[in-house]
């Protein structure tokens, strides 16, 4: 399965972080937890991330604005400062979640990136 993210429609535009946070928090049954960025960095190092990418994630960790969300609608994602990254259990789960993700992207005036 391909990774799916919501990113700004224009590459130079700022990601609407505050609006994304509110929309994710408002989803039915939303559970919000601080993202475990240290584990993400450790996994990145194991697969050979460049130092620049590691440094970006260290900055995210300092800011404390990255959250994992799960919802009753099946959404499982991480809100980063510049995108939302969605995880899927299977192709069927991805197909179930995509209409919700596409609607969220429209509401944020962003686009879905695969």
C-alpha atoms as a PDB file:
ATOM      1  CA  UNK A   1       0.000   0.000   0.000  1.00  0.00           C
ATOM      2  CA  UNK A   2       1.172   3.488  -0.812  1.00  0.00           C
ATOM      3  CA  UNK A   3       1.554   6.130   1.846  1.00  0.00           C
ATOM      4  CA  UNK A   4      -1.181   8.720   1.827  1.00  0.00           C
ATOM      5  CA  UNK A   5      -0.701  12.243   3.088  1.00  0.00           C
ATOM      6  CA  UNK A   6      -2.649  15.479   3.060  1.00  0.00           C
ATOM      7  CA  UNK A   7      -0.327  18.291   1.998  1.00  0.00           C
ATOM      8  CA  UNK A   8      -0.799  21.894   0.841  1.00  0.00           C
ATOM      9  CA  UNK A   9      -2.283  22.115  -2.662  1.00  0.00           C
ATOM     10  CA  UNK A  10       0.453  24.598  -3.571  1.00  0.00           C
ATOM     11  CA  UNK A  11       3.942  23.451  -2.631  1.00  0.00           C
ATOM     12  CA  UNK A  12       4.799  26.935  -1.376  1.00  0.00           C
ATOM     13  CA  UNK A  13       1.689  27.289   0.789  1.00  0.00           C
ATOM     14  CA  UNK A  14       1.753  26.819   4.532  1.00  0.00           C
ATOM     15  CA  UNK A  15      -0.020  23.711   5.840  1.00  0.00           C
ATOM     16  CA  UNK A  16      -3.192  24.682   7.777  1.00  0.00           C
ATOM     17  CA  UNK A  17      -2.050  22.954  10.966  1.00  0.00           C
ATOM     18  CA  UNK A  18      -4.488  24.628  13.381  1.00  0.00           C
ATOM     19  CA  UNK A  19      -7.495  23.869  11.168  1.00  0.00           C
ATOM     20  CA  UNK A  20      -6.337  20.266  10.670  1.00  0.00           C
ATOM     21  CA  UNK A  21      -5.996  19.803  14.426  1.00  0.00           C
ATOM     22  CA  UNK A  22      -9.540  21.064  15.030  1.00  0.00           C
ATOM     23  CA  UNK A  23     -11.006  18.861  12.274  1.00  0.00           C
ATOM     24  CA  UNK A  24      -9.228  15.741  13.511  1.00  0.00           C
ATOM     25  CA  UNK A  25     -10.253  16.418  17.115  1.00  0.00           C
ATOM     26  CA  UNK A  26     -13.882  16.783  15.977  1.00  0.00           C
ATOM     27  CA  UNK A  27     -14.027  13.372  14.272  1.00  0.00           C
ATOM     28  CA  UNK A  28     -16.329  10.834  15.913  1.00  0.00           C
ATOM     29  CA  UNK A  29     -14.500   8.950  18.654  1.00  0.00           C
ATOM     30  CA  UNK A  30     -11.216  10.790  18.094  1.00  0.00           C
ATOM     31  CA  UNK A  31      -8.392   9.727  20.404  1.00  0.00           C
ATOM     32  CA  UNK A  32      -5.372  12.042  20.367  1.00  0.00           C
ATOM     33  CA  UNK A  33      -1.941  11.098  21.710  1.00  0.00           C
ATOM     34  CA  UNK A  34       1.470  12.720  21.497  1.00  0.00           C
ATOM     35  CA  UNK A  35       3.347  11.165  18.562  1.00  0.00           C
ATOM     36  CA  UNK A  36       6.315   8.978  19.518  1.00  0.00           C
ATOM     37  CA  UNK A  37       8.776  10.833  17.311  1.00  0.00           C
ATOM     38  CA  UNK A  38      11.785   9.217  18.967  1.00  0.00           C
ATOM     39  CA  UNK A  39      10.586   5.842  17.645  1.00  0.00           C
ATOM     40  CA  UNK A  40      10.000   7.346  14.189  1.00  0.00           C
ATOM     41  CA  UNK A  41      13.560   8.706  14.180  1.00  0.00           C
ATOM     42  CA  UNK A  42      14.959   5.347  15.318  1.00  0.00           C
ATOM     43  CA  UNK A  43      13.127   3.570  12.498  1.00  0.00           C
ATOM     44  CA  UNK A  44      14.322   6.213  10.041  1.00  0.00           C
ATOM     45  CA  UNK A  45      17.915   5.689  11.099  1.00  0.00           C
ATOM     46  CA  UNK A  46      17.549   1.931  10.583  1.00  0.00           C
ATOM     47  CA  UNK A  47      16.414   2.467   6.979  1.00  0.00           C
ATOM     48  CA  UNK A  48      19.118   5.033   6.241  1.00  0.00           C
ATOM     49  CA  UNK A  49      17.432   8.403   6.526  1.00  0.00           C
ATOM     50  CA  UNK A  50      19.733  11.316   5.691  1.00  0.00           C
ATOM     51  CA  UNK A  51      20.756  13.507   8.619  1.00  0.00           C
ATOM     52  CA  UNK A  52      18.653  16.402   7.286  1.00  0.00           C
ATOM     53  CA  UNK A  53      15.471  14.334   7.631  1.00  0.00           C
ATOM     54  CA  UNK A  54      16.465  13.244  11.115  1.00  0.00           C
ATOM     55  CA  UNK A  55      17.093  16.895  12.043  1.00  0.00           C
ATOM     56  CA  UNK A  56      13.614  17.890  10.811  1.00  0.00           C
ATOM     57  CA  UNK A  57      12.061  15.254  13.043  1.00  0.00           C
ATOM     58  CA  UNK A  58      14.173  16.362  16.010  1.00  0.00           C
ATOM     59  CA  UNK A  59      12.744  19.865  15.507  1.00  0.00           C
ATOM     60  CA  UNK A  60       9.211  18.410  15.417  1.00  0.00           C
ATOM     61  CA  UNK A  61       9.958  16.679  18.716  1.00  0.00           C
ATOM     62  CA  UNK A  62      11.085  19.980  20.286  1.00  0.00           C
ATOM     63  CA  UNK A  63       7.874  21.737  19.200  1.00  0.00           C
ATOM     64  CA  UNK A  64       5.547  19.075  20.661  1.00  0.00           C
ATOM     65  CA  UNK A  65       2.879  19.680  18.012  1.00  0.00           C
ATOM     66  CA  UNK A  66       2.739  16.206  16.403  1.00  0.00           C
ATOM     67  CA  UNK A  67      -0.127  13.934  17.375  1.00  0.00           C
ATOM     68  CA  UNK A  68      -1.374  10.460  16.546  1.00  0.00           C
ATOM     69  CA  UNK A  69      -5.115  10.128  16.014  1.00  0.00           C
ATOM     70  CA  UNK A  70      -7.489   7.195  15.798  1.00  0.00           C
ATOM     71  CA  UNK A  71     -11.210   7.587  15.229  1.00  0.00           C
ATOM     72  CA  UNK A  72     -14.383   5.502  15.228  1.00  0.00           C
ATOM     73  CA  UNK A  73     -14.462   5.896  11.440  1.00  0.00           C
ATOM     74  CA  UNK A  74     -11.244   3.869  11.095  1.00  0.00           C
ATOM     75  CA  UNK A  75      -8.869   6.779  10.567  1.00  0.00           C
ATOM     76  CA  UNK A  76      -5.353   6.224  11.922  1.00  0.00           C
ATOM     77  CA  UNK A  77      -2.999   9.102  11.250  1.00  0.00           C
ATOM     78  CA  UNK A  78      -0.258  11.368  12.488  1.00  0.00           C
ATOM     79  CA  UNK A  79      -0.693  15.120  12.321  1.00  0.00           C
ATOM     80  CA  UNK A  80       2.702  16.634  11.602  1.00  0.00           C
ATOM     81  CA  UNK A  81       3.343  20.370  11.430  1.00  0.00           C
ATOM     82  CA  UNK A  82       3.323  20.275   7.622  1.00  0.00           C
ATOM     83  CA  UNK A  83       1.081  17.317   6.677  1.00  0.00           C
ATOM     84  CA  UNK A  84      -1.170  14.513   7.873  1.00  0.00           C
ATOM     85  CA  UNK A  85       0.162  10.965   7.342  1.00  0.00           C
ATOM     86  CA  UNK A  86      -2.428   8.155   7.174  1.00  0.00           C
ATOM     87  CA  UNK A  87      -1.838   4.479   7.994  1.00  0.00           C
ATOM     88  CA  UNK A  88      -3.877   1.519   6.731  1.00  0.00           C
ATOM     89  CA  UNK A  89      -4.219  -2.094   7.880  1.00  0.00           C
ATOM     90  CA  UNK A  90      -5.208  -3.389   4.460  1.00  0.00           C
ATOM     91  CA  UNK A  91      -6.361  -2.378   0.986  1.00  0.00           C
ATOM     92  CA  UNK A  92      -9.971  -2.632   2.199  1.00  0.00           C
ATOM     93  CA  UNK A  93      -9.198  -0.337   5.135  1.00  0.00           C
ATOM     94  CA  UNK A  94      -7.580   2.155   2.756  1.00  0.00           C
ATOM     95  CA  UNK A  95     -10.652   2.071   0.481  1.00  0.00           C
ATOM     96  CA  UNK A  96     -12.898   2.635   3.515  1.00  0.00           C
ATOM     97  CA  UNK A  97     -10.871   5.645   4.704  1.00  0.00           C
ATOM     98  CA  UNK A  98     -10.150   7.397   1.397  1.00  0.00           C
ATOM     99  CA  UNK A  99     -13.523   9.215   1.113  1.00  0.00           C
ATOM    100  CA  UNK A 100     -12.987  10.639   4.615  1.00  0.00           C
ATOM    101  CA  UNK A 101      -9.404  11.629   3.776  1.00  0.00           C
ATOM    102  CA  UNK A 102     -10.419  13.234   0.479  1.00  0.00           C
ATOM    103  CA  UNK A 103     -13.183  15.202   2.223  1.00  0.00           C
ATOM    104  CA  UNK A 104     -10.715  16.346   4.880  1.00  0.00           C
ATOM    105  CA  UNK A 105      -8.280  17.495   2.172  1.00  0.00           C
ATOM    106  CA  UNK A 106     -11.018  19.539   0.477  1.00  0.00           C
ATOM    107  CA  UNK A 107     -12.047  21.113   3.791  1.00  0.00           C
ATOM    108  CA  UNK A 108      -8.410  22.100   4.391  1.00  0.00           C
ATOM    109  CA  UNK A 109      -7.958  23.399   0.802  1.00  0.00           C
ATOM    110  CA  UNK A 110      -5.169  20.839   0.450  1.00  0.00           C
ATOM    111  CA  UNK A 111      -4.536  17.785  -1.697  1.00  0.00           C
ATOM    112  CA  UNK A 112      -4.030  14.081  -1.158  1.00  0.00           C
ATOM    113  CA  UNK A 113      -0.538  12.888  -2.017  1.00  0.00           C
ATOM    114  CA  UNK A 114       0.194   9.212  -2.610  1.00  0.00           C
END
